[in-house]
Amino acid sequence: MAPSFSITPLPNSVRIVYDLKVATDQGDSGIADWAPHLLHEGATHPCFVLAGDHRRLLHGSCRRPHHDGPDGLVRADAWLAERRETPEAWPAWLLMTGDQVYADDVAGPLLVVIHSLIDRLGLFDETLEGATVTDSQWLYTSEATYYRREELLPDIKSSADPRERFFGGVRKPVFTSANAHNHLMTFAEVIAMYLLVWSPVPWRLIEVAPPALDEEKAALFHREQAIIERFVQGLPAGARLLAHLPSLMIFDDHDITDDWNLTAEWERTAYGHPFSRRIIGNALLAYLLCQGWGNDPDRLVEPLDAVARLLETADVRDRWLPAKDQDAVIEQLRRFQGWEVQVDGAPRLIMLDTRTRRWRSERSPKRPSGLMDWEALSELQQQILDAPSVVIVSPAPMFGVKLIEVIQKLFTLAGKPLLVDAENWMAHRGAASVMLNIFRHSRTPGHYVILSGDVHYSFAYDIRIRHRREGPRLWQITSSGIKNAFPDTLLDWFDRANRWLYAPRSPLNWFTKRRRMEITPRDPDRAKAGERLWNGSGVGLVELDDQGRPSDIRQLDARGFDVVFPDDKPQR
């Protein structure tokens, strides 16, 4: 007779201590033995808290290891440690809203360590079709492998219109990242990078030996190495935070490559070349294993099984992935629909996939695609019908800085959307219209909180529908980056010009797609001259009341202080 088990749910709002035992020749070894960096000071085990609702959330995006600034995850870990004995104050989730890794922008010292770790762990090799190198081993030893990878990236001869044909066509890279000099290419490279940016342990297995470089690149390597060393010092804190908080993660472009699926032309070019298709697919494979898997394992069973079969068919002895099988799994992932995440609770939490279900422009393949197509937006509306309040995670802000969006539109009209990363919800007429209509629908929630990242600065907007007394209320809350920032002088100029041109009562607002929305920016309490955009690495913290309205919005600045975005108007 099979034994019967009584399953008792874990309690809410209390610290739950846990351990993970590893069998060794000397007996079982616990986390305190093999990963003591995961323990808070004085603790014997890590712990977590299951919140009974979603009313306190940490959120952030854009963690670039070689950005010369502190790591927001280190600040969040210190903040959590201060509340170790008050589990009711712990956030329900750590929401990572995109660009958790930068596959397309890698520091030279980090790439050297990646190659050392690949060799140390015996990670898989692969063949590379359509490249100037034939396989991964050739890539790793190529003269162009450090700071010159743009020479290896696939390029095409574009002749899309008579003007280009008249001038004989223009050679341009398939990938558009301005920092593609060390763009990751192989599956092993991306997997090794994930290990190195989430844990301090792999760094103990290898050493950094500078490669042969010319004088200019050697100087750059030395500068980046100092920044990377400071980043590594903070890795124990970042890993400790993830060991204590439930987390959800969704991709944005840099998790795969810059401008991923920006336009229909970009898609046709990138997926039409075997090498670029493999590079994109390898990053997506690694995302599935290192981020997406933890969001909803049951929903991802099919692609996970396909990856498992791929790894099982690899020649373990020779460490080579079979090219045909690898390409088949990549194609399956490219067509997969189901990356978005929904978590029931109070309020309901939804993370959007704004990358793989795009609304391609009907006017021109060069114009930016909508961030979600009509079908995906219709599914979103069905998910939130009749819910009293909803938290929506959109990697790109649904309501961004209007001046910056106007500049992006001007470059789009000139046929150059790739020059300014022209990705915003208002860039595509159809997607913008459907999204705004969802907010105006009578059966969709009364309160929307939209959490975003992407832009490398932080801000908060209160939003109402004009001329409607009892209409829904919205809050756009953006926290970016965890370890990245906007150029100070340029952001200050944009901020000042936007405040002047698009003040709440400015007539220019009536020329925008969201003219039916009344948008009121919140001023950060540490602003010195009326700034509304906060520039500095950190992690956002939002607390919601029992109706799903923000009662506290702040940025845990990585420099060690809080930036509060107060509400100057009383709640109604």
Protein backbone atom coordinates (compact mmCIF):
# COMPACT_ATOMS: atom_id res chain seq x y z
CA MET A 1 0.00 0.00 0.00
CA ALA A 2 1.44 3.36 -1.02
CA PRO A 3 2.12 5.75 1.86
CA SER A 4 -0.18 8.75 2.20
CA PHE A 5 1.11 12.25 2.77
CA SER A 6 -0.57 15.26 4.30
CA ILE A 7 0.54 18.45 2.57
CA THR A 8 0.42 21.46 4.85
CA PRO A 9 0.80 24.86 3.13
CA LEU A 10 3.71 26.95 4.30
CA PRO A 11 2.69 29.89 6.48
CA ASN A 12 2.54 33.49 5.27
CA SER A 13 4.43 36.48 6.66
CA VAL A 14 6.89 34.50 8.80
CA ARG A 15 10.55 33.67 8.25
CA ILE A 16 10.97 30.17 6.82
CA VAL A 17 14.46 28.78 7.31
CA TYR A 18 15.77 26.33 4.73
CA ASP A 19 18.87 24.37 3.80
CA LEU A 20 20.21 22.43 0.83
CA LYS A 21 22.38 19.44 1.64
CA VAL A 22 25.12 18.18 -0.65
CA ALA A 23 26.41 14.64 -0.14
CA THR A 24 30.21 14.42 0.17
CA ASP A 25 32.69 11.78 1.24
CA GLN A 26 32.77 13.47 4.66
CA GLY A 27 28.96 13.46 4.98
CA ASP A 28 26.21 15.92 4.15
CA SER A 29 27.29 19.52 3.68
CA GLY A 30 24.82 22.40 4.11
CA ILE A 31 24.67 25.91 2.69
CA ALA A 32 26.59 27.26 5.68
CA ASP A 33 29.48 25.01 4.57
CA TRP A 34 29.51 25.34 0.78
CA ALA A 35 28.00 28.82 0.34
CA PRO A 36 28.40 30.83 3.56
CA HIS A 37 28.13 34.07 1.57
CA LEU A 38 24.39 33.36 1.25
CA LEU A 39 23.86 33.86 5.00
CA HIS A 40 23.17 37.16 6.71
CA GLU A 41 25.57 38.06 9.49
CA GLY A 42 24.94 35.86 12.52
CA ALA A 43 22.57 33.50 10.66
CA THR A 44 23.08 29.74 10.41
CA HIS A 45 20.73 29.27 7.44
CA PRO A 46 19.15 31.39 4.72
CA CYS A 47 15.43 32.04 4.89
CA PHE A 48 12.51 33.41 2.90
CA VAL A 49 9.06 34.86 3.53
CA LEU A 50 5.86 34.00 1.66
CA ALA A 51 3.85 37.20 1.58
CA GLY A 52 0.07 36.97 1.75
CA ASP A 53 -0.34 39.67 -0.90
CA HIS A 54 1.58 41.64 -3.53
CA ARG A 55 1.52 45.00 -1.76
CA ARG A 56 5.25 45.48 -1.28
CA LEU A 57 7.51 44.98 -4.32
CA LEU A 58 11.16 45.51 -5.18
CA HIS A 59 11.79 46.10 -8.87
CA GLY A 60 14.58 47.13 -11.22
CA SER A 61 16.28 46.56 -14.57
CA CYS A 62 19.55 46.98 -16.43
CA ARG A 63 22.48 45.44 -14.54
CA ARG A 64 25.60 46.14 -16.59
CA PRO A 65 28.70 44.78 -14.82
CA HIS A 66 31.18 47.27 -16.30
CA HIS A 67 29.11 50.37 -15.65
CA ASP A 68 31.32 52.47 -13.38
CA GLY A 69 28.96 52.69 -10.42
CA PRO A 70 27.61 50.69 -7.48
CA ASP A 71 25.31 47.68 -7.79
CA GLY A 72 21.69 48.17 -6.74
CA LEU A 73 21.44 44.54 -5.64
CA VAL A 74 24.07 45.23 -2.97
CA ARG A 75 21.96 48.12 -1.67
CA ALA A 76 18.81 45.96 -1.68
CA ASP A 77 20.61 43.22 0.26
CA ALA A 78 21.67 45.72 2.94
CA TRP A 79 18.09 47.07 3.10
CA LEU A 80 16.71 43.55 3.58
CA ALA A 81 19.29 42.69 6.24
CA GLU A 82 18.09 45.68 8.30
CA ARG A 83 14.62 44.06 8.32
CA ARG A 84 15.76 40.54 9.04
CA GLU A 85 13.70 40.32 12.24
CA THR A 86 10.57 41.93 10.79
CA PRO A 87 9.32 39.49 8.13
CA GLU A 88 6.08 41.44 7.69
CA ALA A 89 8.19 44.23 6.15
CA TRP A 90 9.76 41.96 3.49
CA PRO A 91 8.69 42.46 -0.13
CA ALA A 92 6.56 39.82 -1.80
CA TRP A 93 8.75 39.75 -4.91
CA LEU A 94 11.97 40.97 -6.44
CA LEU A 95 10.82 41.83 -9.97
CA MET A 96 13.65 42.08 -12.49
CA THR A 97 12.16 43.87 -15.45
CA GLY A 98 14.73 43.36 -18.21
CA ASP A 99 18.41 43.49 -19.14
CA GLN A 100 19.46 41.32 -16.20
CA VAL A 101 22.50 40.51 -18.36
CA TYR A 102 24.11 42.27 -21.32
CA ALA A 103 24.86 39.59 -23.91
CA ASP A 104 25.71 42.25 -26.50
CA ASP A 105 27.91 44.50 -24.35
CA VAL A 106 30.62 42.65 -22.44
CA ALA A 107 33.79 44.00 -20.88
CA GLY A 108 37.06 42.56 -22.16
CA PRO A 109 38.13 41.20 -18.75
CA LEU A 110 34.75 39.51 -18.32
CA LEU A 111 35.01 37.87 -21.73
CA VAL A 112 38.48 36.55 -20.84
CA VAL A 113 37.07 35.07 -17.64
CA ILE A 114 34.14 33.59 -19.58
CA HIS A 115 36.55 31.70 -21.82
CA SER A 116 38.57 30.52 -18.83
CA LEU A 117 35.42 29.26 -17.11
CA ILE A 118 34.25 27.47 -20.26
CA ASP A 119 37.52 25.58 -20.29
CA ARG A 120 37.50 24.96 -16.52
CA LEU A 121 33.98 23.50 -16.54
CA GLY A 122 34.21 21.73 -19.89
CA LEU A 123 31.18 23.49 -21.38
CA PHE A 124 29.88 22.47 -24.80
CA ASP A 125 31.43 23.49 -28.12
CA GLU A 126 29.44 24.08 -31.31
CA THR A 127 29.87 24.62 -35.03
CA LEU A 128 29.10 28.07 -36.48
CA GLU A 129 27.51 28.24 -39.91
CA GLY A 130 27.81 31.42 -41.96
CA ALA A 131 30.54 32.93 -39.79
CA THR A 132 34.10 33.92 -40.54
CA VAL A 133 35.07 31.28 -37.95
CA THR A 134 33.85 27.71 -38.31
CA ASP A 135 33.35 26.72 -34.68
CA SER A 136 33.55 27.90 -31.08
CA GLN A 137 37.15 26.82 -30.55
CA TRP A 138 38.25 28.83 -33.55
CA LEU A 139 36.23 31.77 -32.24
CA TYR A 140 37.89 31.69 -28.82
CA THR A 141 41.38 31.76 -30.33
CA SER A 142 40.66 34.21 -33.14
CA GLU A 143 42.65 37.46 -33.24
CA ALA A 144 39.30 39.28 -33.37
CA THR A 145 37.76 37.58 -30.34
CA TYR A 146 38.55 40.49 -27.97
CA TYR A 147 37.31 44.01 -28.76
CA ARG A 148 36.95 43.22 -32.47
CA ARG A 149 33.97 40.91 -32.64
CA GLU A 150 32.09 43.31 -34.86
CA GLU A 151 34.41 41.96 -37.57
CA LEU A 152 32.97 38.50 -36.96
CA LEU A 153 29.30 39.52 -36.75
CA PRO A 154 27.35 38.82 -39.92
CA ASP A 155 26.68 41.70 -42.28
CA ILE A 156 24.51 42.14 -45.35
CA LYS A 157 24.39 44.24 -48.48
CA SER A 158 21.26 46.31 -48.14
CA SER A 159 19.40 47.49 -51.21
CA ALA A 160 15.94 47.97 -49.79
CA ASP A 161 14.99 51.06 -51.75
CA PRO A 162 16.06 52.88 -54.96
CA ARG A 163 18.26 55.31 -53.06
CA GLU A 164 20.37 52.49 -51.62
CA ARG A 165 20.47 50.71 -54.97
CA PHE A 166 21.53 53.95 -56.65
CA PHE A 167 24.52 54.25 -54.37
CA GLY A 168 25.39 50.57 -54.82
CA GLY A 169 24.13 49.35 -51.44
CA VAL A 170 25.58 49.83 -47.98
CA ARG A 171 27.33 47.18 -45.93
CA LYS A 172 25.92 47.11 -42.41
CA PRO A 173 25.97 44.64 -39.52
CA VAL A 174 22.98 42.48 -38.78
CA PHE A 175 23.29 43.45 -35.12
CA THR A 176 22.94 47.10 -34.21
CA SER A 177 24.56 47.31 -30.78
CA ALA A 178 26.97 50.23 -30.54
CA ASN A 179 29.06 48.14 -28.13
CA ALA A 180 29.22 44.87 -30.06
CA HIS A 181 33.00 44.61 -29.80
CA ASN A 182 32.63 41.70 -27.35
CA HIS A 183 29.14 40.43 -28.30
CA LEU A 184 28.60 36.92 -26.91
CA MET A 185 28.05 34.32 -29.62
CA THR A 186 28.07 30.74 -28.35
CA PHE A 187 25.77 28.92 -25.94
CA ALA A 188 28.70 28.22 -23.63
CA GLU A 189 29.67 31.91 -23.53
CA VAL A 190 26.19 33.00 -22.43
CA ILE A 191 25.87 30.24 -19.82
CA ALA A 192 29.30 31.10 -18.40
CA MET A 193 28.36 34.78 -18.21
CA TYR A 194 25.21 33.97 -16.19
CA LEU A 195 27.31 32.00 -13.73
CA LEU A 196 29.79 34.86 -13.39
CA VAL A 197 27.30 37.71 -12.90
CA TRP A 198 25.13 35.89 -10.32
CA SER A 199 27.67 34.15 -8.10
CA PRO A 200 31.12 34.82 -6.62
CA VAL A 201 32.01 31.11 -6.66
CA PRO A 202 33.11 30.73 -10.32
CA TRP A 203 35.57 33.60 -9.87
CA ARG A 204 37.49 31.44 -7.42
CA LEU A 205 38.04 28.80 -10.10
CA ILE A 206 39.83 30.94 -12.65
CA GLU A 207 42.34 33.74 -13.11
CA VAL A 208 42.28 36.75 -15.41
CA ALA A 209 45.23 36.77 -17.80
CA PRO A 210 45.17 39.81 -20.11
CA PRO A 211 45.29 38.80 -23.79
CA ALA A 212 47.66 40.30 -26.33
CA LEU A 213 46.20 43.72 -27.20
CA ASP A 214 47.38 46.90 -28.80
CA GLU A 215 48.16 49.87 -26.55
CA GLU A 216 44.71 51.49 -26.82
CA LYS A 217 42.76 48.30 -26.11
CA ALA A 218 45.15 47.29 -23.33
CA ALA A 219 44.43 50.59 -21.59
CA LEU A 220 40.68 49.97 -21.98
CA PHE A 221 41.12 46.44 -20.61
CA HIS A 222 42.90 47.84 -17.55
CA ARG A 223 40.14 50.39 -16.89
CA GLU A 224 37.40 47.79 -17.27
CA GLN A 225 39.26 45.33 -15.07
CA ALA A 226 39.19 47.75 -12.13
CA ILE A 227 35.41 48.18 -12.53
CA ILE A 228 34.83 44.43 -12.85
CA GLU A 229 36.87 43.79 -9.70
CA ARG A 230 34.59 46.13 -7.75
CA PHE A 231 31.55 44.40 -9.27
CA VAL A 232 32.84 41.00 -8.13
CA GLN A 233 33.23 42.31 -4.58
CA GLY A 234 29.46 42.88 -4.49
CA LEU A 235 28.47 39.47 -5.88
CA PRO A 236 28.05 37.79 -2.45
CA ALA A 237 25.44 40.41 -1.53
CA GLY A 238 23.61 40.02 -4.84
CA ALA A 239 23.53 36.24 -4.49
CA ARG A 240 22.37 36.55 -0.87
CA LEU A 241 19.46 38.77 -1.93
CA LEU A 242 18.31 36.17 -4.48
CA ALA A 243 18.64 33.43 -1.84
CA HIS A 244 16.19 35.28 0.43
CA LEU A 245 13.58 36.80 -1.90
CA PRO A 246 11.25 35.14 -4.43
CA SER A 247 12.04 36.63 -7.83
CA LEU A 248 10.47 36.92 -11.26
CA MET A 249 12.45 37.94 -14.36
CA ILE A 250 11.47 38.94 -17.88
CA PHE A 251 13.77 39.63 -20.81
CA ASP A 252 14.38 42.87 -22.63
CA ASP A 253 16.67 43.38 -25.60
CA HIS A 254 20.13 43.25 -23.99
CA ASP A 255 19.40 39.83 -22.50
CA ILE A 256 19.53 38.73 -26.14
CA THR A 257 20.92 41.56 -28.33
CA ASP A 258 20.36 45.30 -28.72
CA ASP A 259 17.18 46.29 -30.63
CA TRP A 260 15.94 42.69 -30.56
CA ASN A 261 12.94 42.53 -32.95
CA LEU A 262 12.77 46.33 -33.20
CA THR A 263 11.45 46.37 -36.79
CA ALA A 264 10.20 43.86 -39.33
CA GLU A 265 13.29 44.58 -41.40
CA TRP A 266 15.52 43.79 -38.39
CA GLU A 267 13.75 40.45 -37.94
CA ARG A 268 14.00 39.53 -41.62
CA THR A 269 17.70 40.37 -41.67
CA ALA A 270 18.69 38.75 -38.37
CA TYR A 271 16.69 35.54 -38.74
CA GLY A 272 17.60 35.21 -42.39
CA HIS A 273 21.30 34.67 -41.62
CA PRO A 274 22.39 31.35 -40.02
CA PHE A 275 25.07 32.91 -37.77
CA SER A 276 22.94 35.75 -36.40
CA ARG A 277 20.04 33.33 -35.96
CA ARG A 278 22.32 31.07 -33.90
CA ILE A 279 23.64 33.97 -31.78
CA ILE A 280 20.10 35.12 -30.94
CA GLY A 281 19.01 31.54 -30.29
CA ASN A 282 21.92 30.79 -27.96
CA ALA A 283 21.05 33.80 -25.81
CA LEU A 284 17.40 32.72 -25.73
CA LEU A 285 18.40 29.18 -24.76
CA ALA A 286 20.42 30.56 -21.86
CA TYR A 287 17.57 32.88 -20.84
CA LEU A 288 15.22 29.89 -20.68
CA LEU A 289 17.57 27.98 -18.38
CA CYS A 290 18.82 30.86 -16.22
CA GLN A 291 15.79 33.17 -15.97
CA GLY A 292 12.55 31.99 -17.57
CA TRP A 293 12.59 28.51 -16.01
CA GLY A 294 12.13 29.94 -12.52
CA ASN A 295 9.09 32.02 -13.46
CA ASP A 296 6.65 29.23 -14.32
CA PRO A 297 8.27 25.79 -14.77
CA ASP A 298 4.98 24.07 -15.66
CA ARG A 299 4.28 26.47 -18.51
CA LEU A 300 7.76 25.98 -19.93
CA VAL A 301 7.78 22.17 -19.88
CA GLU A 302 7.76 21.84 -23.68
CA PRO A 303 10.80 24.05 -24.45
CA LEU A 304 12.65 22.71 -21.41
CA ASP A 305 12.14 19.14 -22.60
CA ALA A 306 13.49 20.13 -26.01
CA VAL A 307 16.64 21.61 -24.44
CA ALA A 308 17.07 18.52 -22.26
CA ARG A 309 16.94 16.29 -25.36
CA LEU A 310 19.49 18.53 -27.09
CA LEU A 311 21.94 18.22 -24.22
CA GLU A 312 21.36 14.47 -23.97
CA THR A 313 22.18 13.98 -27.66
CA ALA A 314 25.39 16.00 -27.40
CA ASP A 315 28.62 14.08 -27.50
CA VAL A 316 29.55 14.39 -23.83
CA ARG A 317 33.03 13.06 -24.37
CA ASP A 318 33.90 15.54 -27.12
CA ARG A 319 31.60 18.30 -25.74
CA TRP A 320 30.02 19.18 -29.10
CA LEU A 321 26.38 20.15 -29.61
CA PRO A 322 24.82 18.63 -32.76
CA ALA A 323 24.24 21.58 -35.08
CA LYS A 324 21.01 20.34 -36.64
CA ASP A 325 19.39 19.60 -33.29
CA GLN A 326 20.60 22.89 -31.83
CA ASP A 327 19.08 24.87 -34.71
CA ALA A 328 15.80 22.96 -34.37
CA VAL A 329 15.50 23.81 -30.68
CA ILE A 330 16.34 27.44 -31.41
CA GLU A 331 13.59 27.59 -34.02
CA GLN A 332 11.14 26.08 -31.53
CA LEU A 333 12.09 28.72 -28.95
CA ARG A 334 11.76 31.51 -31.50
CA ARG A 335 8.17 30.52 -32.19
CA PHE A 336 7.27 29.77 -28.58
CA GLN A 337 4.46 31.84 -27.04
CA GLY A 338 4.27 31.76 -23.28
CA TRP A 339 7.12 33.84 -21.86
CA GLU A 340 4.75 36.21 -20.03
CA VAL A 341 3.94 35.57 -16.36
CA GLN A 342 0.72 35.90 -14.35
CA VAL A 343 0.54 35.50 -10.56
CA ASP A 344 -2.85 35.61 -8.86
CA GLY A 345 -3.10 37.55 -5.64
CA ALA A 346 -3.97 40.94 -4.24
CA PRO A 347 -3.40 42.66 -6.53
CA ARG A 348 -2.99 40.43 -9.59
CA LEU A 349 0.57 40.57 -11.01
CA ILE A 350 1.28 40.30 -14.74
CA MET A 351 4.70 40.45 -16.46
CA LEU A 352 4.47 41.22 -20.16
CA ASP A 353 6.48 39.75 -23.02
CA THR A 354 7.13 42.84 -25.13
CA ARG A 355 9.77 41.24 -27.36
CA THR A 356 8.53 38.13 -29.16
CA ARG A 357 4.92 38.97 -30.06
CA ARG A 358 5.41 42.23 -31.93
CA TRP A 359 2.87 44.16 -34.00
CA ARG A 360 4.83 44.71 -37.22
CA SER A 361 4.34 48.03 -38.97
CA GLU A 362 1.99 47.86 -41.94
CA ARG A 363 3.39 51.15 -43.29
CA SER A 364 7.05 50.20 -43.65
CA PRO A 365 9.27 47.30 -42.50
CA LYS A 366 11.75 49.94 -41.29
CA ARG A 367 9.29 51.47 -38.83
CA PRO A 368 9.29 50.25 -35.21
CA SER A 369 6.97 47.36 -34.46
CA GLY A 370 4.39 47.64 -31.70
CA LEU A 371 5.67 46.14 -28.46
CA MET A 372 2.72 43.70 -28.40
CA ASP A 373 0.45 42.65 -31.24
CA TRP A 374 -3.35 42.83 -31.22
CA GLU A 375 -3.77 39.20 -30.14
CA ALA A 376 -1.34 39.55 -27.22
CA LEU A 377 -3.01 42.77 -26.07
CA SER A 378 -6.43 41.14 -26.31
CA GLU A 379 -5.17 38.30 -24.10
CA LEU A 380 -3.91 40.90 -21.60
CA GLN A 381 -7.34 42.51 -21.49
CA GLN A 382 -8.98 39.15 -20.80
CA GLN A 383 -6.53 38.52 -17.96
CA ILE A 384 -7.44 41.73 -16.15
CA LEU A 385 -11.18 41.96 -16.79
CA ASP A 386 -13.11 42.76 -13.61
CA ALA A 387 -9.99 42.72 -11.41
CA PRO A 388 -10.19 45.63 -8.92
CA SER A 389 -6.46 46.37 -9.28
CA VAL A 390 -3.52 45.03 -11.24
CA VAL A 391 0.27 45.39 -11.21
CA ILE A 392 1.61 45.26 -14.77
CA VAL A 393 5.32 44.80 -15.44
CA SER A 394 6.21 46.31 -18.81
CA PRO A 395 9.97 46.36 -19.50
CA ALA A 396 9.60 49.62 -21.44
CA PRO A 397 7.51 52.35 -19.77
CA MET A 398 3.98 52.56 -21.14
CA PHE A 399 4.07 56.29 -20.38
CA GLY A 400 7.54 57.65 -20.95
CA VAL A 401 9.22 61.04 -21.30
CA LYS A 402 7.35 62.77 -24.11
CA LEU A 403 10.27 64.80 -25.46
CA ILE A 404 12.43 61.70 -25.81
CA GLU A 405 9.58 59.88 -27.56
CA VAL A 406 9.20 62.82 -29.99
CA ILE A 407 12.92 62.68 -30.81
CA GLN A 408 12.60 58.94 -31.41
CA LYS A 409 9.64 59.57 -33.72
CA LEU A 410 11.61 62.13 -35.75
CA PHE A 411 14.40 59.61 -36.32
CA THR A 412 11.78 57.02 -37.30
CA LEU A 413 10.26 59.38 -39.86
CA ALA A 414 13.77 59.86 -41.25
CA GLY A 415 14.06 56.07 -41.61
CA LYS A 416 16.66 55.73 -38.84
CA PRO A 417 14.88 54.19 -35.81
CA LEU A 418 17.92 52.06 -34.97
CA LEU A 419 20.05 55.15 -34.27
CA VAL A 420 18.01 56.18 -31.22
CA ASP A 421 16.57 52.85 -30.01
CA ALA A 422 13.07 54.01 -31.00
CA GLU A 423 11.20 51.56 -28.78
CA ASN A 424 8.27 52.93 -26.85
CA TRP A 425 4.60 52.07 -26.59
CA MET A 426 3.55 55.16 -28.55
CA ALA A 427 5.81 54.42 -31.54
CA HIS A 428 3.23 52.14 -33.19
CA ARG A 429 -0.23 53.58 -33.76
CA GLY A 430 -2.13 50.30 -33.47
CA ALA A 431 -0.44 49.03 -30.31
CA ALA A 432 -0.72 52.44 -28.62
CA SER A 433 -4.42 52.72 -29.47
CA VAL A 434 -5.32 49.24 -28.21
CA MET A 435 -3.28 49.66 -25.03
CA LEU A 436 -4.93 53.01 -24.21
CA ASN A 437 -8.38 51.58 -24.96
CA ILE A 438 -7.76 48.77 -22.47
CA PHE A 439 -7.27 51.37 -19.76
CA ARG A 440 -10.50 53.11 -20.75
CA HIS A 441 -12.62 49.92 -20.85
CA SER A 442 -15.45 49.87 -18.30
CA ARG A 443 -14.67 46.33 -17.11
CA THR A 444 -10.94 46.69 -16.62
CA PRO A 445 -9.53 47.60 -13.20
CA GLY A 446 -9.93 50.81 -11.35
CA HIS A 447 -6.25 50.90 -10.39
CA TYR A 448 -3.26 50.04 -12.58
CA VAL A 449 0.30 50.16 -11.30
CA ILE A 450 2.79 49.86 -14.18
CA LEU A 451 6.36 48.92 -13.21
CA SER A 452 9.04 49.45 -15.85
CA GLY A 453 12.76 49.80 -16.45
CA ASP A 454 14.85 50.00 -19.65
CA VAL A 455 15.61 53.73 -19.81
CA HIS A 456 18.47 54.09 -17.25
CA TYR A 457 16.71 56.70 -15.11
CA SER A 458 13.82 56.58 -12.63
CA PHE A 459 10.54 58.49 -12.41
CA ALA A 460 6.92 58.24 -11.27
CA TYR A 461 3.75 59.57 -12.94
CA ASP A 462 0.16 59.78 -11.68
CA ILE A 463 -2.27 59.33 -14.61
CA ARG A 464 -5.99 59.95 -14.98
CA ILE A 465 -8.38 59.84 -17.92
CA ARG A 466 -9.45 63.37 -18.74
CA HIS A 467 -13.08 64.42 -18.30
CA ARG A 468 -14.03 61.31 -16.32
CA ARG A 469 -14.77 61.69 -12.61
CA GLU A 470 -14.80 57.98 -11.72
CA GLY A 471 -12.42 56.66 -14.33
CA PRO A 472 -9.49 54.35 -13.56
CA ARG A 473 -6.28 55.65 -12.03
CA LEU A 474 -2.85 54.67 -13.27
CA TRP A 475 0.67 55.00 -11.94
CA GLN A 476 3.74 54.65 -14.15
CA ILE A 477 6.67 53.79 -11.87
CA THR A 478 10.04 53.31 -13.54
CA SER A 479 13.25 52.12 -11.84
CA SER A 480 16.38 51.87 -13.97
CA GLY A 481 19.10 50.80 -13.80
CA ILE A 482 20.25 48.37 -11.15
CA LYS A 483 23.80 49.03 -12.32
CA ASN A 484 23.55 51.55 -15.13
CA ALA A 485 22.77 55.23 -15.59
CA PHE A 486 22.06 57.86 -18.24
CA PRO A 487 24.71 60.46 -19.15
CA ASP A 488 24.16 63.17 -16.52
CA THR A 489 24.40 66.25 -18.71
CA LEU A 490 22.20 64.84 -21.47
CA LEU A 491 19.52 63.66 -19.04
CA ASP A 492 19.50 67.04 -17.31
CA TRP A 493 18.90 68.73 -20.68
CA PHE A 494 16.11 66.32 -21.61
CA ASP A 495 14.51 66.76 -18.19
CA ARG A 496 14.52 70.55 -18.32
CA ALA A 497 13.28 70.72 -21.91
CA ASN A 498 10.54 68.19 -21.26
CA ARG A 499 9.31 70.11 -18.19
CA TRP A 500 9.06 73.26 -20.27
CA LEU A 501 7.56 71.81 -23.46
CA TYR A 502 5.23 69.19 -21.94
CA ALA A 503 4.07 70.65 -18.65
CA PRO A 504 0.66 69.25 -17.60
CA ARG A 505 -1.14 72.31 -19.04
CA SER A 506 0.99 72.61 -22.20
CA PRO A 507 -1.00 72.62 -25.47
CA LEU A 508 1.66 70.34 -26.97
CA ASN A 509 0.13 67.47 -24.99
CA TRP A 510 -2.84 67.54 -27.36
CA PHE A 511 -0.60 66.51 -30.25
CA THR A 512 0.39 63.23 -28.55
CA LYS A 513 -1.42 59.86 -28.70
CA ARG A 514 -2.16 60.05 -24.97
CA ARG A 515 -3.85 63.44 -25.09
CA ARG A 516 -6.89 61.97 -23.33
CA MET A 517 -4.69 61.17 -20.35
CA GLU A 518 -3.81 63.71 -17.67
CA ILE A 519 -0.25 62.92 -16.56
CA THR A 520 1.18 64.46 -13.39
CA PRO A 521 4.87 63.80 -12.68
CA ARG A 522 6.05 63.30 -9.12
CA ASP A 523 9.10 65.26 -7.99
CA PRO A 524 11.79 63.19 -6.22
CA ASP A 525 12.44 64.59 -2.77
CA ARG A 526 16.18 64.89 -3.41
CA ALA A 527 15.74 66.96 -6.57
CA LYS A 528 17.84 70.13 -6.41
CA ALA A 529 16.38 72.15 -9.28
CA GLY A 530 12.98 70.66 -10.05
CA GLU A 531 14.26 67.49 -11.69
CA ARG A 532 11.65 64.82 -12.28
CA LEU A 533 14.02 62.17 -13.65
CA TRP A 534 16.29 60.58 -11.06
CA ASN A 535 19.67 59.42 -12.35
CA GLY A 536 21.51 56.82 -10.31
CA SER A 537 21.83 53.06 -9.95
CA GLY A 538 19.52 51.37 -7.48
CA VAL A 539 16.37 49.31 -6.99
CA GLY A 540 12.80 50.57 -6.78
CA LEU A 541 10.49 49.89 -3.85
CA VAL A 542 6.73 50.38 -4.07
CA GLU A 543 4.16 49.80 -1.34
CA LEU A 544 0.44 49.54 -2.16
CA ASP A 545 -2.61 50.11 0.02
CA ASP A 546 -5.53 47.69 0.30
CA GLN A 547 -7.04 49.15 -2.89
CA GLY A 548 -3.86 48.61 -4.92
CA ARG A 549 -2.85 52.29 -4.91
CA PRO A 550 0.79 53.29 -4.23
CA SER A 551 1.20 54.53 -0.68
CA ASP A 552 4.98 54.84 -0.96
CA ILE A 553 7.24 55.04 -4.03
CA ARG A 554 10.98 55.23 -3.55
CA GLN A 555 14.30 54.37 -5.10
CA LEU A 556 16.85 52.55 -2.94
CA ASP A 557 19.80 54.39 -4.44
CA ALA A 558 22.93 52.25 -4.62
CA ARG A 559 24.92 55.11 -3.11
CA GLY A 560 23.26 54.35 0.23
CA PHE A 561 20.24 56.65 0.54
CA ASP A 562 16.55 56.62 -0.38
CA VAL A 563 14.88 58.83 -2.97
CA VAL A 564 11.16 59.27 -2.31
CA PHE A 565 8.59 60.24 -4.94
CA PRO A 566 5.89 61.79 -2.70
CA ASP A 567 2.26 62.23 -3.67
CA ASP A 568 1.42 65.92 -3.33
CA LYS A 569 -2.28 65.19 -3.77
CA PRO A 570 -4.36 63.24 -1.21
CA GLN A 571 -5.81 59.88 -2.28
CA ARG A 572 -9.50 59.92 -3.19
